[in-house]
Amino acid sequence: MASPKRRPAGLKLIEGRSPGRDSGGRKITEAPAFKRVPPEPPEWLPDEARAEWERVVPELARLDLLKPVDRSALTAYCLCWDRLVQAQRQMQEDGSVLARNSQGQVRHPAVAVIEAASKELRAWAGEFGLTPSAEGKVGRQEANDGDEANPFAGSG
């Protein structure tokens, strides 16, 4: 069984026993304050992957969710999109069934590529909040409303 995803420090603090401590009394360290600047795409990205980069990066940057070290994860996401599109195009050209044999129909190998890329794409998209269910799970903290003693201030 997979372990649950780690929760952000802010959530642990809200649920905590005392200031700076989680519900188990353990001290919470704040996440590093990364410089929030979108990464540049690799020069070698295929056209379809580059188009996806140009589609998602401006919105993620507007939401202040990107940092330069996200380049590899974004690259993997965009390459996965490229793989999905290329396989879909190939299958549309050839059809989803290539032949028949004694055991029945032989499906196009691109079907397996599409299925695998779809799963991988969904996982990467979730990391960046690019699915409806994931968008509420990612986000940057809003500006402080001045009530530092209240951990719930500005959270609603």
N, C-alpha and C. Protein backbone atom coordinates (compact mmCIF):
# COMPACT_ATOMS: atom_id res chain seq x y z
N MET A 1 0.84 -1.17 0.00
CA MET A 1 0.00 0.00 0.00
C MET A 1 0.89 1.24 0.00
N ALA A 2 0.57 2.16 -0.85
CA ALA A 2 1.37 3.38 -0.96
C ALA A 2 1.13 4.27 0.25
N SER A 3 2.18 4.93 0.68
CA SER A 3 2.03 5.85 1.80
C SER A 3 1.35 7.13 1.32
N PRO A 4 0.66 7.83 2.21
CA PRO A 4 -0.03 9.05 1.80
C PRO A 4 0.96 10.14 1.42
N LYS A 5 0.50 11.06 0.56
CA LYS A 5 1.36 12.17 0.17
C LYS A 5 1.64 13.05 1.38
N ARG A 6 2.81 13.64 1.37
CA ARG A 6 3.19 14.54 2.46
C ARG A 6 2.32 15.78 2.42
N ARG A 7 1.96 16.26 3.58
CA ARG A 7 1.13 17.46 3.67
C ARG A 7 2.02 18.67 3.83
N PRO A 8 1.58 19.82 3.31
CA PRO A 8 2.37 21.03 3.44
C PRO A 8 2.51 21.46 4.90
N ALA A 9 3.61 22.15 5.20
CA ALA A 9 3.88 22.59 6.56
C ALA A 9 2.75 23.44 7.12
N GLY A 10 2.16 24.30 6.30
CA GLY A 10 1.07 25.17 6.76
C GLY A 10 -0.11 24.38 7.29
N LEU A 11 -0.46 23.29 6.61
CA LEU A 11 -1.57 22.45 7.05
C LEU A 11 -1.22 21.75 8.36
N LYS A 12 0.00 21.27 8.47
CA LYS A 12 0.42 20.62 9.71
C LYS A 12 0.36 21.59 10.88
N LEU A 13 0.73 22.85 10.63
CA LEU A 13 0.69 23.85 11.69
C LEU A 13 -0.73 24.16 12.12
N ILE A 14 -1.64 24.25 11.16
CA ILE A 14 -3.04 24.54 11.49
C ILE A 14 -3.62 23.44 12.37
N GLU A 15 -3.26 22.21 12.08
CA GLU A 15 -3.77 21.08 12.85
C GLU A 15 -2.94 20.82 14.11
N GLY A 16 -1.91 21.60 14.34
CA GLY A 16 -0.96 21.33 15.41
C GLY A 16 -1.46 21.59 16.81
N ARG A 17 -0.67 21.10 17.77
CA ARG A 17 -0.97 21.25 19.20
C ARG A 17 -0.63 22.63 19.72
N SER A 18 0.47 23.17 19.21
CA SER A 18 0.93 24.47 19.70
C SER A 18 1.68 25.16 18.58
N PRO A 19 1.99 26.45 18.74
CA PRO A 19 2.67 27.17 17.65
C PRO A 19 3.97 26.46 17.24
N GLY A 20 4.11 26.24 15.93
CA GLY A 20 5.32 25.62 15.39
C GLY A 20 5.38 24.12 15.53
N ARG A 21 4.29 23.48 15.99
CA ARG A 21 4.27 22.04 16.22
C ARG A 21 3.09 21.39 15.50
N ASP A 22 3.28 20.12 15.06
CA ASP A 22 2.17 19.41 14.42
C ASP A 22 1.29 18.75 15.47
N SER A 23 0.31 17.97 15.04
CA SER A 23 -0.63 17.35 15.98
C SER A 23 0.05 16.35 16.90
N GLY A 24 1.21 15.85 16.52
CA GLY A 24 1.97 14.94 17.37
C GLY A 24 2.98 15.66 18.24
N GLY A 25 3.00 16.97 18.19
CA GLY A 25 3.94 17.76 18.99
C GLY A 25 5.31 17.92 18.36
N ARG A 26 5.50 17.42 17.14
CA ARG A 26 6.80 17.53 16.48
C ARG A 26 6.97 18.92 15.88
N LYS A 27 8.19 19.42 15.95
CA LYS A 27 8.48 20.74 15.39
C LYS A 27 8.35 20.70 13.86
N ILE A 28 7.72 21.72 13.30
CA ILE A 28 7.51 21.82 11.85
C ILE A 28 8.51 22.82 11.28
N THR A 29 9.22 22.38 10.27
CA THR A 29 10.11 23.31 9.58
C THR A 29 9.42 23.80 8.33
N GLU A 30 9.53 25.08 8.07
CA GLU A 30 8.91 25.68 6.89
C GLU A 30 9.61 25.21 5.63
N ALA A 31 8.86 25.12 4.54
CA ALA A 31 9.44 24.77 3.25
C ALA A 31 10.36 25.90 2.79
N PRO A 32 11.38 25.57 2.00
CA PRO A 32 12.28 26.63 1.53
C PRO A 32 11.53 27.64 0.66
N ALA A 33 11.97 28.87 0.74
CA ALA A 33 11.35 29.94 -0.05
C ALA A 33 12.03 29.99 -1.42
N PHE A 34 11.55 29.15 -2.33
CA PHE A 34 12.12 29.12 -3.68
C PHE A 34 11.83 30.41 -4.41
N LYS A 35 12.74 30.77 -5.29
CA LYS A 35 12.50 31.89 -6.18
C LYS A 35 11.46 31.45 -7.20
N ARG A 36 10.36 32.16 -7.28
CA ARG A 36 9.24 31.75 -8.14
C ARG A 36 9.35 32.40 -9.52
N VAL A 37 10.12 31.75 -10.38
CA VAL A 37 10.33 32.19 -11.75
C VAL A 37 10.14 30.96 -12.64
N PRO A 38 9.35 31.07 -13.70
CA PRO A 38 9.17 29.89 -14.55
C PRO A 38 10.46 29.49 -15.25
N PRO A 39 10.69 28.19 -15.39
CA PRO A 39 11.90 27.73 -16.10
C PRO A 39 11.77 27.93 -17.60
N GLU A 40 12.90 27.94 -18.25
CA GLU A 40 12.94 28.01 -19.71
C GLU A 40 12.81 26.60 -20.27
N PRO A 41 12.12 26.43 -21.40
CA PRO A 41 12.00 25.08 -21.95
C PRO A 41 13.32 24.63 -22.57
N PRO A 42 13.58 23.33 -22.57
CA PRO A 42 14.77 22.83 -23.25
C PRO A 42 14.66 23.13 -24.76
N GLU A 43 15.77 23.44 -25.37
CA GLU A 43 15.77 23.77 -26.80
C GLU A 43 15.36 22.58 -27.66
N TRP A 44 15.58 21.37 -27.20
CA TRP A 44 15.37 20.18 -27.99
C TRP A 44 13.95 19.63 -27.92
N LEU A 45 13.05 20.30 -27.22
CA LEU A 45 11.68 19.79 -27.11
C LEU A 45 11.04 19.65 -28.49
N PRO A 46 10.36 18.54 -28.74
CA PRO A 46 9.62 18.40 -30.01
C PRO A 46 8.50 19.45 -30.08
N ASP A 47 8.01 19.71 -31.28
CA ASP A 47 7.01 20.76 -31.49
C ASP A 47 5.77 20.62 -30.62
N GLU A 48 5.22 19.43 -30.55
CA GLU A 48 3.99 19.23 -29.76
C GLU A 48 4.25 19.44 -28.28
N ALA A 49 5.41 18.99 -27.79
CA ALA A 49 5.77 19.19 -26.39
C ALA A 49 5.99 20.68 -26.11
N ARG A 50 6.62 21.38 -27.02
CA ARG A 50 6.84 22.83 -26.86
C ARG A 50 5.51 23.58 -26.83
N ALA A 51 4.57 23.17 -27.67
CA ALA A 51 3.26 23.82 -27.68
C ALA A 51 2.55 23.62 -26.34
N GLU A 52 2.69 22.43 -25.76
CA GLU A 52 2.07 22.18 -24.45
C GLU A 52 2.76 23.00 -23.37
N TRP A 53 4.08 23.12 -23.44
CA TRP A 53 4.83 23.97 -22.50
C TRP A 53 4.29 25.40 -22.57
N GLU A 54 4.16 25.90 -23.77
CA GLU A 54 3.70 27.28 -23.96
C GLU A 54 2.25 27.46 -23.54
N ARG A 55 1.49 26.38 -23.51
CA ARG A 55 0.10 26.46 -23.08
C ARG A 55 -0.03 26.49 -21.56
N VAL A 56 0.75 25.65 -20.85
CA VAL A 56 0.56 25.52 -19.40
C VAL A 56 1.44 26.44 -18.56
N VAL A 57 2.64 26.72 -19.03
CA VAL A 57 3.58 27.50 -18.20
C VAL A 57 3.07 28.90 -17.88
N PRO A 58 2.51 29.66 -18.81
CA PRO A 58 2.04 31.00 -18.44
C PRO A 58 0.99 30.98 -17.31
N GLU A 59 0.10 30.03 -17.33
CA GLU A 59 -0.93 29.96 -16.29
C GLU A 59 -0.33 29.52 -14.95
N LEU A 60 0.57 28.54 -14.98
CA LEU A 60 1.22 28.12 -13.75
C LEU A 60 2.09 29.24 -13.17
N ALA A 61 2.72 30.01 -14.05
CA ALA A 61 3.53 31.14 -13.59
C ALA A 61 2.64 32.22 -12.99
N ARG A 62 1.48 32.46 -13.61
CA ARG A 62 0.54 33.45 -13.09
C ARG A 62 0.09 33.08 -11.68
N LEU A 63 -0.04 31.80 -11.43
CA LEU A 63 -0.45 31.32 -10.11
C LEU A 63 0.72 31.22 -9.14
N ASP A 64 1.90 31.60 -9.60
CA ASP A 64 3.11 31.59 -8.76
C ASP A 64 3.45 30.18 -8.29
N LEU A 65 3.28 29.20 -9.17
CA LEU A 65 3.53 27.81 -8.80
C LEU A 65 4.84 27.25 -9.33
N LEU A 66 5.53 27.98 -10.19
CA LEU A 66 6.73 27.44 -10.83
C LEU A 66 8.01 28.03 -10.27
N LYS A 67 9.03 27.20 -10.35
CA LYS A 67 10.39 27.63 -9.99
C LYS A 67 11.34 26.98 -10.98
N PRO A 68 12.54 27.51 -11.12
CA PRO A 68 13.47 26.96 -12.12
C PRO A 68 13.73 25.46 -12.00
N VAL A 69 13.73 24.92 -10.79
CA VAL A 69 14.01 23.49 -10.63
C VAL A 69 12.85 22.60 -11.08
N ASP A 70 11.72 23.19 -11.44
CA ASP A 70 10.59 22.42 -11.96
C ASP A 70 10.77 22.05 -13.43
N ARG A 71 11.86 22.49 -14.03
CA ARG A 71 12.08 22.26 -15.46
C ARG A 71 11.99 20.79 -15.83
N SER A 72 12.63 19.92 -15.07
CA SER A 72 12.63 18.50 -15.43
C SER A 72 11.23 17.90 -15.33
N ALA A 73 10.47 18.24 -14.31
CA ALA A 73 9.11 17.72 -14.18
C ALA A 73 8.22 18.25 -15.30
N LEU A 74 8.35 19.53 -15.63
CA LEU A 74 7.58 20.09 -16.73
C LEU A 74 7.98 19.45 -18.06
N THR A 75 9.26 19.21 -18.24
CA THR A 75 9.74 18.56 -19.45
C THR A 75 9.14 17.16 -19.58
N ALA A 76 9.16 16.41 -18.49
CA ALA A 76 8.58 15.06 -18.50
C ALA A 76 7.10 15.12 -18.83
N TYR A 77 6.38 16.07 -18.24
CA TYR A 77 4.95 16.23 -18.53
C TYR A 77 4.74 16.52 -20.02
N CYS A 78 5.50 17.45 -20.56
CA CYS A 78 5.32 17.84 -21.97
C CYS A 78 5.73 16.73 -22.93
N LEU A 79 6.78 15.98 -22.61
CA LEU A 79 7.18 14.85 -23.45
C LEU A 79 6.13 13.75 -23.41
N CYS A 80 5.53 13.57 -22.27
CA CYS A 80 4.45 12.58 -22.15
C CYS A 80 3.28 13.00 -23.03
N TRP A 81 2.94 14.29 -23.03
CA TRP A 81 1.88 14.80 -23.90
C TRP A 81 2.24 14.54 -25.36
N ASP A 82 3.48 14.81 -25.72
CA ASP A 82 3.94 14.59 -27.09
C ASP A 82 3.78 13.12 -27.49
N ARG A 83 4.17 12.21 -26.59
CA ARG A 83 4.05 10.78 -26.86
C ARG A 83 2.59 10.39 -27.08
N LEU A 84 1.70 10.92 -26.26
CA LEU A 84 0.28 10.64 -26.39
C LEU A 84 -0.26 11.12 -27.74
N VAL A 85 0.09 12.33 -28.11
CA VAL A 85 -0.39 12.90 -29.38
C VAL A 85 0.16 12.12 -30.57
N GLN A 86 1.45 11.80 -30.55
CA GLN A 86 2.05 11.07 -31.67
C GLN A 86 1.42 9.69 -31.82
N ALA A 87 1.20 9.00 -30.71
CA ALA A 87 0.60 7.67 -30.77
C ALA A 87 -0.84 7.76 -31.28
N GLN A 88 -1.56 8.76 -30.84
CA GLN A 88 -2.95 8.94 -31.30
C GLN A 88 -2.99 9.21 -32.81
N ARG A 89 -2.09 10.04 -33.29
CA ARG A 89 -2.03 10.32 -34.73
C ARG A 89 -1.72 9.05 -35.53
N GLN A 90 -0.78 8.26 -35.03
CA GLN A 90 -0.41 7.02 -35.72
C GLN A 90 -1.58 6.05 -35.75
N MET A 91 -2.28 5.94 -34.64
CA MET A 91 -3.42 5.03 -34.59
C MET A 91 -4.56 5.51 -35.50
N GLN A 92 -4.74 6.82 -35.60
CA GLN A 92 -5.77 7.33 -36.49
C GLN A 92 -5.44 7.02 -37.95
N GLU A 93 -4.17 7.07 -38.29
CA GLU A 93 -3.74 6.73 -39.66
C GLU A 93 -3.97 5.25 -39.98
N ASP A 94 -3.59 4.40 -39.04
CA ASP A 94 -3.59 2.96 -39.28
C ASP A 94 -4.87 2.26 -38.84
N GLY A 95 -5.62 2.87 -37.94
CA GLY A 95 -6.77 2.21 -37.33
C GLY A 95 -6.35 1.51 -36.06
N SER A 96 -7.29 1.25 -35.18
CA SER A 96 -6.94 0.64 -33.89
C SER A 96 -6.71 -0.86 -33.98
N VAL A 97 -7.18 -1.49 -35.05
CA VAL A 97 -6.97 -2.92 -35.25
C VAL A 97 -6.10 -3.09 -36.50
N LEU A 98 -4.96 -3.76 -36.33
CA LEU A 98 -4.03 -3.92 -37.44
C LEU A 98 -4.31 -5.16 -38.27
N ALA A 99 -4.71 -6.24 -37.63
CA ALA A 99 -4.90 -7.50 -38.35
C ALA A 99 -5.76 -8.43 -37.53
N ARG A 100 -6.01 -9.56 -38.09
CA ARG A 100 -6.72 -10.62 -37.37
C ARG A 100 -5.83 -11.86 -37.40
N ASN A 101 -5.85 -12.59 -36.32
CA ASN A 101 -5.12 -13.85 -36.29
C ASN A 101 -6.05 -14.92 -35.71
N SER A 102 -5.53 -16.07 -35.42
CA SER A 102 -6.38 -17.17 -34.94
C SER A 102 -7.00 -16.86 -33.57
N GLN A 103 -6.43 -15.94 -32.86
CA GLN A 103 -6.95 -15.58 -31.54
C GLN A 103 -7.86 -14.36 -31.58
N GLY A 104 -8.03 -13.78 -32.74
CA GLY A 104 -8.91 -12.62 -32.85
C GLY A 104 -8.18 -11.44 -33.46
N GLN A 105 -8.60 -10.25 -33.06
CA GLN A 105 -8.02 -9.04 -33.61
C GLN A 105 -6.72 -8.67 -32.90
N VAL A 106 -5.82 -8.08 -33.68
CA VAL A 106 -4.55 -7.60 -33.13
C VAL A 106 -4.64 -6.08 -33.06
N ARG A 107 -4.61 -5.56 -31.86
CA ARG A 107 -4.74 -4.10 -31.73
C ARG A 107 -3.42 -3.41 -32.04
N HIS A 108 -3.53 -2.19 -32.43
CA HIS A 108 -2.37 -1.37 -32.79
C HIS A 108 -1.50 -1.17 -31.55
N PRO A 109 -0.17 -1.28 -31.68
CA PRO A 109 0.71 -1.04 -30.54
C PRO A 109 0.56 0.37 -29.96
N ALA A 110 0.10 1.30 -30.77
CA ALA A 110 -0.08 2.67 -30.28
C ALA A 110 -1.14 2.74 -29.19
N VAL A 111 -2.06 1.77 -29.15
CA VAL A 111 -3.09 1.76 -28.10
C VAL A 111 -2.42 1.63 -26.74
N ALA A 112 -1.44 0.76 -26.62
CA ALA A 112 -0.72 0.58 -25.35
C ALA A 112 0.06 1.84 -24.99
N VAL A 113 0.65 2.47 -25.99
CA VAL A 113 1.39 3.72 -25.75
C VAL A 113 0.43 4.80 -25.25
N ILE A 114 -0.73 4.90 -25.86
CA ILE A 114 -1.72 5.89 -25.46
C ILE A 114 -2.18 5.63 -24.03
N GLU A 115 -2.45 4.39 -23.70
CA GLU A 115 -2.91 4.05 -22.35
C GLU A 115 -1.84 4.39 -21.31
N ALA A 116 -0.60 4.01 -21.58
CA ALA A 116 0.49 4.29 -20.63
C ALA A 116 0.74 5.79 -20.51
N ALA A 117 0.77 6.48 -21.63
CA ALA A 117 1.01 7.93 -21.61
C ALA A 117 -0.12 8.66 -20.90
N SER A 118 -1.35 8.18 -21.06
CA SER A 118 -2.48 8.80 -20.37
C SER A 118 -2.33 8.71 -18.86
N LYS A 119 -1.93 7.55 -18.36
CA LYS A 119 -1.73 7.38 -16.92
C LYS A 119 -0.60 8.27 -16.42
N GLU A 120 0.51 8.26 -17.15
CA GLU A 120 1.65 9.08 -16.75
C GLU A 120 1.30 10.56 -16.81
N LEU A 121 0.59 10.95 -17.86
CA LEU A 121 0.20 12.36 -18.02
C LEU A 121 -0.69 12.80 -16.86
N ARG A 122 -1.63 11.94 -16.48
CA ARG A 122 -2.51 12.27 -15.36
C ARG A 122 -1.70 12.47 -14.07
N ALA A 123 -0.70 11.64 -13.85
CA ALA A 123 0.14 11.78 -12.65
C ALA A 123 0.91 13.10 -12.67
N TRP A 124 1.55 13.42 -13.81
CA TRP A 124 2.29 14.67 -13.92
C TRP A 124 1.35 15.87 -13.79
N ALA A 125 0.19 15.78 -14.45
CA ALA A 125 -0.78 16.88 -14.38
C ALA A 125 -1.22 17.12 -12.95
N GLY A 126 -1.37 16.05 -12.18
CA GLY A 126 -1.75 16.19 -10.78
C GLY A 126 -0.70 16.91 -9.96
N GLU A 127 0.55 16.71 -10.29
CA GLU A 127 1.63 17.38 -9.56
C GLU A 127 1.57 18.90 -9.73
N PHE A 128 1.08 19.34 -10.88
CA PHE A 128 1.01 20.77 -11.15
C PHE A 128 -0.40 21.33 -10.97
N GLY A 129 -1.33 20.51 -10.49
CA GLY A 129 -2.69 20.97 -10.29
C GLY A 129 -3.45 21.19 -11.58
N LEU A 130 -3.13 20.41 -12.62
CA LEU A 130 -3.72 20.61 -13.94
C LEU A 130 -4.94 19.74 -14.20
N THR A 131 -5.45 19.08 -13.16
CA THR A 131 -6.70 18.34 -13.30
C THR A 131 -7.71 18.97 -12.35
N PRO A 132 -9.00 18.81 -12.63
CA PRO A 132 -10.00 19.42 -11.75
C PRO A 132 -9.88 18.97 -10.30
N SER A 133 -9.60 17.70 -10.06
CA SER A 133 -9.49 17.24 -8.68
C SER A 133 -8.20 17.69 -8.00
N ALA A 134 -7.17 17.96 -8.78
CA ALA A 134 -5.88 18.35 -8.20
C ALA A 134 -5.73 19.85 -8.00
N GLU A 135 -6.53 20.66 -8.70
CA GLU A 135 -6.29 22.09 -8.63
C GLU A 135 -6.49 22.66 -7.23
N GLY A 136 -7.36 22.07 -6.45
CA GLY A 136 -7.55 22.57 -5.09
C GLY A 136 -6.46 22.15 -4.13
N LYS A 137 -5.61 21.22 -4.55
CA LYS A 137 -4.57 20.71 -3.67
C LYS A 137 -3.25 21.45 -3.79
N VAL A 138 -3.09 22.24 -4.84
CA VAL A 138 -1.86 23.00 -5.01
C VAL A 138 -2.17 24.47 -4.93
N GLY A 139 -1.24 25.22 -4.48
CA GLY A 139 -1.45 26.65 -4.43
C GLY A 139 -0.42 27.31 -3.55
N ARG A 140 -0.30 28.56 -3.75
CA ARG A 140 0.62 29.37 -2.96
C ARG A 140 -0.18 30.09 -1.90
N GLN A 141 0.44 30.38 -0.80
CA GLN A 141 -0.22 31.12 0.27
C GLN A 141 -0.47 32.54 -0.18
N GLU A 142 -1.65 33.05 0.14
CA GLU A 142 -1.99 34.44 -0.16
C GLU A 142 -1.21 35.35 0.78
N ALA A 143 -1.21 36.63 0.47
CA ALA A 143 -0.54 37.61 1.32
C ALA A 143 -1.15 37.56 2.71
N ASN A 144 -0.33 37.74 3.72
CA ASN A 144 -0.75 37.71 5.10
C ASN A 144 -1.68 38.88 5.38
N ASP A 145 -2.79 38.61 6.08
CA ASP A 145 -3.73 39.69 6.37
C ASP A 145 -3.41 40.43 7.65
N GLY A 146 -2.26 40.13 8.26
CA GLY A 146 -1.79 40.89 9.41
C GLY A 146 -2.07 40.23 10.74
N ASP A 147 -2.86 39.20 10.80
CA ASP A 147 -3.17 38.54 12.06
C ASP A 147 -2.28 37.33 12.20
N GLU A 148 -1.04 37.54 12.63
CA GLU A 148 -0.06 36.46 12.71
C GLU A 148 -0.37 35.46 13.81
N ALA A 149 -1.11 35.86 14.84
CA ALA A 149 -1.44 34.95 15.94
C ALA A 149 -2.52 33.95 15.56
N ASN A 150 -3.29 34.23 14.53
CA ASN A 150 -4.38 33.36 14.13
C ASN A 150 -3.96 32.51 12.93
N PRO A 151 -3.76 31.19 13.12
CA PRO A 151 -3.33 30.37 11.98
C PRO A 151 -4.39 30.21 10.91
N PHE A 152 -5.65 30.54 11.24
CA PHE A 152 -6.73 30.43 10.25
C PHE A 152 -6.97 31.72 9.50
N ALA A 153 -6.34 32.80 9.87
CA ALA A 153 -6.54 34.08 9.21
C ALA A 153 -6.11 34.00 7.76
N GLY A 154 -6.95 34.48 6.88
CA GLY A 154 -6.64 34.49 5.46
C GLY A 154 -6.79 33.14 4.79
N SER A 155 -7.26 32.11 5.51
CA SER A 155 -7.37 30.79 4.90
C SER A 155 -8.77 30.49 4.39
N GLY A 156 -9.69 31.42 4.48
CA GLY A 156 -11.05 31.10 4.05
C GLY A 156 -11.59 32.04 3.13
